[in-house]
Amino acid sequence: MSIEQVSDLLRETIRVSLILSAPVLVTALGSGLIISIFQAATQVNEQTLSFVPKIVLTLGIFAVVFPWVMRTLVDFGTRLFLAAGARGGP
């Protein structure tokens, strides 16, 4: 494998991992921001108030996007193995 091929593979891997993690990370960030604003406005600083909604929303979004995540990972893995087979091995 040449340096260019390894670089392309690494770039594609990083791109796919960022795209796949974005929905969950954006949900956690958004819910954390909304909860923080609510806590600052009401001066209620309860730890469970910040943790429970964030984890519920994050798990909910993960359950919704899980089929898409798996389909994208399978497609990426298939492309990776087909490319490795076309090159004649490692």
N, C-alpha and C. Protein backbone atom coordinates (compact mmCIF):
# COMPACT_ATOMS: atom_id res chain seq x y z
N MET A 1 0.84 -1.17 0.00
CA MET A 1 0.00 0.00 0.00
C MET A 1 0.89 1.24 0.00
N SER A 2 0.55 2.18 -0.84
CA SER A 2 1.36 3.40 -0.92
C SER A 2 0.91 4.41 0.14
N ILE A 3 1.70 5.42 0.30
CA ILE A 3 1.40 6.47 1.26
C ILE A 3 0.09 7.18 0.90
N GLU A 4 -0.15 7.40 -0.38
CA GLU A 4 -1.37 8.05 -0.82
C GLU A 4 -2.61 7.23 -0.48
N GLN A 5 -2.50 5.92 -0.66
CA GLN A 5 -3.63 5.04 -0.35
C GLN A 5 -3.91 5.02 1.15
N VAL A 6 -2.87 4.96 1.95
CA VAL A 6 -3.04 4.98 3.40
C VAL A 6 -3.62 6.31 3.85
N SER A 7 -3.14 7.40 3.25
CA SER A 7 -3.66 8.72 3.59
C SER A 7 -5.13 8.85 3.23
N ASP A 8 -5.52 8.35 2.06
CA ASP A 8 -6.93 8.38 1.67
C ASP A 8 -7.79 7.54 2.60
N LEU A 9 -7.30 6.38 2.96
CA LEU A 9 -8.02 5.50 3.87
C LEU A 9 -8.19 6.15 5.25
N LEU A 10 -7.15 6.77 5.75
CA LEU A 10 -7.22 7.45 7.04
C LEU A 10 -8.18 8.63 6.99
N ARG A 11 -8.12 9.40 5.91
CA ARG A 11 -9.02 10.55 5.75
C ARG A 11 -10.48 10.08 5.71
N GLU A 12 -10.75 9.03 4.96
CA GLU A 12 -12.11 8.51 4.87
C GLU A 12 -12.59 7.95 6.21
N THR A 13 -11.71 7.29 6.94
CA THR A 13 -12.07 6.76 8.25
C THR A 13 -12.42 7.87 9.23
N ILE A 14 -11.64 8.92 9.25
CA ILE A 14 -11.91 10.05 10.13
C ILE A 14 -13.22 10.74 9.73
N ARG A 15 -13.44 10.89 8.43
CA ARG A 15 -14.67 11.53 7.95
C ARG A 15 -15.90 10.73 8.36
N VAL A 16 -15.85 9.42 8.18
CA VAL A 16 -16.98 8.57 8.55
C VAL A 16 -17.22 8.60 10.05
N SER A 17 -16.17 8.54 10.85
CA SER A 17 -16.34 8.56 12.30
C SER A 17 -16.92 9.90 12.78
N LEU A 18 -16.51 11.00 12.18
CA LEU A 18 -17.08 12.30 12.55
C LEU A 18 -18.55 12.40 12.16
N ILE A 19 -18.89 11.92 10.98
CA ILE A 19 -20.29 11.97 10.53
C ILE A 19 -21.16 11.09 11.42
N LEU A 20 -20.67 9.92 11.79
CA LEU A 20 -21.47 9.00 12.60
C LEU A 20 -21.63 9.47 14.04
N SER A 21 -20.65 10.18 14.56
CA SER A 21 -20.76 10.63 15.95
C SER A 21 -21.48 11.97 16.09
N ALA A 22 -21.67 12.68 14.99
CA ALA A 22 -22.25 14.03 15.04
C ALA A 22 -23.66 14.08 15.64
N PRO A 23 -24.61 13.22 15.26
CA PRO A 23 -25.96 13.36 15.83
C PRO A 23 -25.99 13.21 17.35
N VAL A 24 -25.26 12.25 17.87
CA VAL A 24 -25.26 12.04 19.31
C VAL A 24 -24.56 13.18 20.03
N LEU A 25 -23.44 13.64 19.50
CA LEU A 25 -22.71 14.73 20.13
C LEU A 25 -23.47 16.04 20.09
N VAL A 26 -24.12 16.32 18.97
CA VAL A 26 -24.90 17.56 18.86
C VAL A 26 -26.09 17.52 19.81
N THR A 27 -26.72 16.36 19.95
CA THR A 27 -27.84 16.22 20.88
C THR A 27 -27.38 16.45 22.32
N ALA A 28 -26.27 15.84 22.70
CA ALA A 28 -25.76 16.03 24.06
C ALA A 28 -25.38 17.48 24.30
N LEU A 29 -24.76 18.11 23.32
CA LEU A 29 -24.37 19.51 23.47
C LEU A 29 -25.59 20.42 23.57
N GLY A 30 -26.56 20.21 22.70
CA GLY A 30 -27.76 21.04 22.72
C GLY A 30 -28.58 20.87 23.99
N SER A 31 -28.77 19.64 24.42
CA SER A 31 -29.54 19.42 25.65
C SER A 31 -28.79 19.96 26.86
N GLY A 32 -27.48 19.82 26.88
CA GLY A 32 -26.71 20.38 27.98
C GLY A 32 -26.79 21.89 28.04
N LEU A 33 -26.78 22.53 26.87
CA LEU A 33 -26.90 23.98 26.82
C LEU A 33 -28.27 24.44 27.31
N ILE A 34 -29.32 23.78 26.86
CA ILE A 34 -30.68 24.14 27.28
C ILE A 34 -30.86 23.93 28.78
N ILE A 35 -30.36 22.82 29.29
CA ILE A 35 -30.48 22.54 30.72
C ILE A 35 -29.68 23.55 31.54
N SER A 36 -28.51 23.92 31.05
CA SER A 36 -27.69 24.91 31.76
C SER A 36 -28.38 26.27 31.81
N ILE A 37 -29.00 26.66 30.71
CA ILE A 37 -29.74 27.93 30.69
C ILE A 37 -30.91 27.86 31.66
N PHE A 38 -31.61 26.74 31.69
CA PHE A 38 -32.72 26.57 32.62
C PHE A 38 -32.24 26.63 34.07
N GLN A 39 -31.13 25.98 34.36
CA GLN A 39 -30.59 26.00 35.72
C GLN A 39 -30.13 27.39 36.11
N ALA A 40 -29.54 28.11 35.19
CA ALA A 40 -29.10 29.48 35.50
C ALA A 40 -30.29 30.40 35.72
N ALA A 41 -31.35 30.19 34.96
CA ALA A 41 -32.52 31.06 35.09
C ALA A 41 -33.29 30.78 36.38
N THR A 42 -33.35 29.52 36.79
CA THR A 42 -34.14 29.17 37.98
C THR A 42 -33.28 29.00 39.22
N GLN A 43 -31.98 29.00 39.09
CA GLN A 43 -31.04 28.79 40.17
C GLN A 43 -31.25 27.45 40.88
N VAL A 44 -31.68 26.46 40.10
CA VAL A 44 -31.82 25.09 40.61
C VAL A 44 -30.59 24.32 40.13
N ASN A 45 -29.71 23.99 41.04
CA ASN A 45 -28.48 23.30 40.67
C ASN A 45 -28.49 21.86 41.17
N GLU A 46 -29.38 21.09 40.63
CA GLU A 46 -29.50 19.68 40.99
C GLU A 46 -28.74 18.85 39.94
N GLN A 47 -27.89 17.95 40.40
CA GLN A 47 -27.08 17.15 39.49
C GLN A 47 -27.93 16.24 38.61
N THR A 48 -28.98 15.64 39.17
CA THR A 48 -29.80 14.73 38.37
C THR A 48 -30.58 15.49 37.32
N LEU A 49 -30.89 16.77 37.57
CA LEU A 49 -31.60 17.56 36.59
C LEU A 49 -30.75 17.76 35.33
N SER A 50 -29.47 17.81 35.48
CA SER A 50 -28.61 17.98 34.30
C SER A 50 -28.24 16.65 33.66
N PHE A 51 -28.18 15.59 34.42
CA PHE A 51 -27.72 14.31 33.89
C PHE A 51 -28.82 13.49 33.24
N VAL A 52 -29.94 13.35 33.88
CA VAL A 52 -30.99 12.44 33.42
C VAL A 52 -31.57 12.87 32.06
N PRO A 53 -31.99 14.11 31.87
CA PRO A 53 -32.51 14.46 30.54
C PRO A 53 -31.48 14.32 29.43
N LYS A 54 -30.23 14.67 29.74
CA LYS A 54 -29.18 14.57 28.73
C LYS A 54 -28.96 13.12 28.31
N ILE A 55 -28.91 12.20 29.26
CA ILE A 55 -28.68 10.80 28.93
C ILE A 55 -29.89 10.20 28.22
N VAL A 56 -31.10 10.61 28.61
CA VAL A 56 -32.30 10.10 27.95
C VAL A 56 -32.36 10.56 26.50
N LEU A 57 -32.11 11.86 26.27
CA LEU A 57 -32.11 12.37 24.91
C LEU A 57 -31.02 11.75 24.05
N THR A 58 -29.84 11.58 24.62
CA THR A 58 -28.73 10.99 23.88
C THR A 58 -29.03 9.55 23.51
N LEU A 59 -29.54 8.77 24.44
CA LEU A 59 -29.89 7.39 24.13
C LEU A 59 -31.05 7.31 23.13
N GLY A 60 -31.99 8.24 23.24
CA GLY A 60 -33.10 8.27 22.29
C GLY A 60 -32.63 8.55 20.87
N ILE A 61 -31.77 9.54 20.72
CA ILE A 61 -31.24 9.86 19.40
C ILE A 61 -30.40 8.70 18.87
N PHE A 62 -29.62 8.07 19.74
CA PHE A 62 -28.82 6.94 19.31
C PHE A 62 -29.71 5.81 18.82
N ALA A 63 -30.82 5.57 19.50
CA ALA A 63 -31.75 4.52 19.06
C ALA A 63 -32.37 4.86 17.71
N VAL A 64 -32.63 6.14 17.48
CA VAL A 64 -33.23 6.56 16.21
C VAL A 64 -32.23 6.44 15.06
N VAL A 65 -30.98 6.86 15.27
CA VAL A 65 -30.00 6.86 14.18
C VAL A 65 -29.20 5.56 14.07
N PHE A 66 -29.44 4.61 14.96
CA PHE A 66 -28.66 3.37 14.95
C PHE A 66 -28.74 2.62 13.62
N PRO A 67 -29.93 2.48 13.00
CA PRO A 67 -29.95 1.77 11.70
C PRO A 67 -29.10 2.48 10.64
N TRP A 68 -29.15 3.80 10.62
CA TRP A 68 -28.33 4.56 9.67
C TRP A 68 -26.84 4.38 9.97
N VAL A 69 -26.48 4.39 11.25
CA VAL A 69 -25.08 4.21 11.63
C VAL A 69 -24.59 2.83 11.18
N MET A 70 -25.37 1.81 11.42
CA MET A 70 -24.96 0.46 11.04
C MET A 70 -24.86 0.32 9.52
N ARG A 71 -25.81 0.89 8.80
CA ARG A 71 -25.79 0.82 7.33
C ARG A 71 -24.55 1.54 6.79
N THR A 72 -24.22 2.68 7.37
CA THR A 72 -23.04 3.43 6.94
C THR A 72 -21.76 2.66 7.25
N LEU A 73 -21.68 2.05 8.43
CA LEU A 73 -20.50 1.26 8.78
C LEU A 73 -20.34 0.03 7.89
N VAL A 74 -21.44 -0.63 7.58
CA VAL A 74 -21.37 -1.80 6.70
C VAL A 74 -20.93 -1.38 5.31
N ASP A 75 -21.47 -0.27 4.81
CA ASP A 75 -21.05 0.22 3.49
C ASP A 75 -19.57 0.59 3.47
N PHE A 76 -19.12 1.24 4.53
CA PHE A 76 -17.70 1.62 4.61
C PHE A 76 -16.81 0.38 4.67
N GLY A 77 -17.20 -0.60 5.49
CA GLY A 77 -16.43 -1.84 5.58
C GLY A 77 -16.40 -2.59 4.27
N THR A 78 -17.54 -2.62 3.57
CA THR A 78 -17.59 -3.29 2.27
C THR A 78 -16.68 -2.62 1.27
N ARG A 79 -16.73 -1.28 1.21
CA ARG A 79 -15.83 -0.55 0.31
C ARG A 79 -14.37 -0.79 0.67
N LEU A 80 -14.08 -0.86 1.96
CA LEU A 80 -12.71 -1.08 2.41
C LEU A 80 -12.21 -2.46 1.98
N PHE A 81 -13.00 -3.50 2.18
CA PHE A 81 -12.59 -4.85 1.80
C PHE A 81 -12.53 -5.02 0.30
N LEU A 82 -13.45 -4.40 -0.43
CA LEU A 82 -13.39 -4.48 -1.89
C LEU A 82 -12.15 -3.78 -2.43
N ALA A 83 -11.80 -2.65 -1.84
CA ALA A 83 -10.59 -1.94 -2.27
C ALA A 83 -9.35 -2.76 -1.94
N ALA A 84 -9.34 -3.42 -0.79
CA ALA A 84 -8.18 -4.24 -0.42
C ALA A 84 -8.07 -5.45 -1.35
N GLY A 85 -9.21 -6.01 -1.72
CA GLY A 85 -9.19 -7.15 -2.64
C GLY A 85 -8.77 -6.76 -4.03
N ALA A 86 -9.14 -5.56 -4.47
CA ALA A 86 -8.77 -5.09 -5.80
C ALA A 86 -7.27 -4.81 -5.89
N ARG A 87 -6.66 -4.47 -4.77
CA ARG A 87 -5.21 -4.19 -4.76
C ARG A 87 -4.40 -5.46 -4.66
N GLY A 88 -5.05 -6.57 -4.38
CA GLY A 88 -4.31 -7.83 -4.31
C GLY A 88 -3.80 -8.15 -2.92
N GLY A 89 -4.49 -7.70 -1.89
CA GLY A 89 -4.09 -8.04 -0.53
C GLY A 89 -3.56 -6.85 0.22
N PRO A 90 -2.95 -7.11 1.37
CA PRO A 90 -2.49 -6.01 2.23
C PRO A 90 -1.39 -5.24 1.66
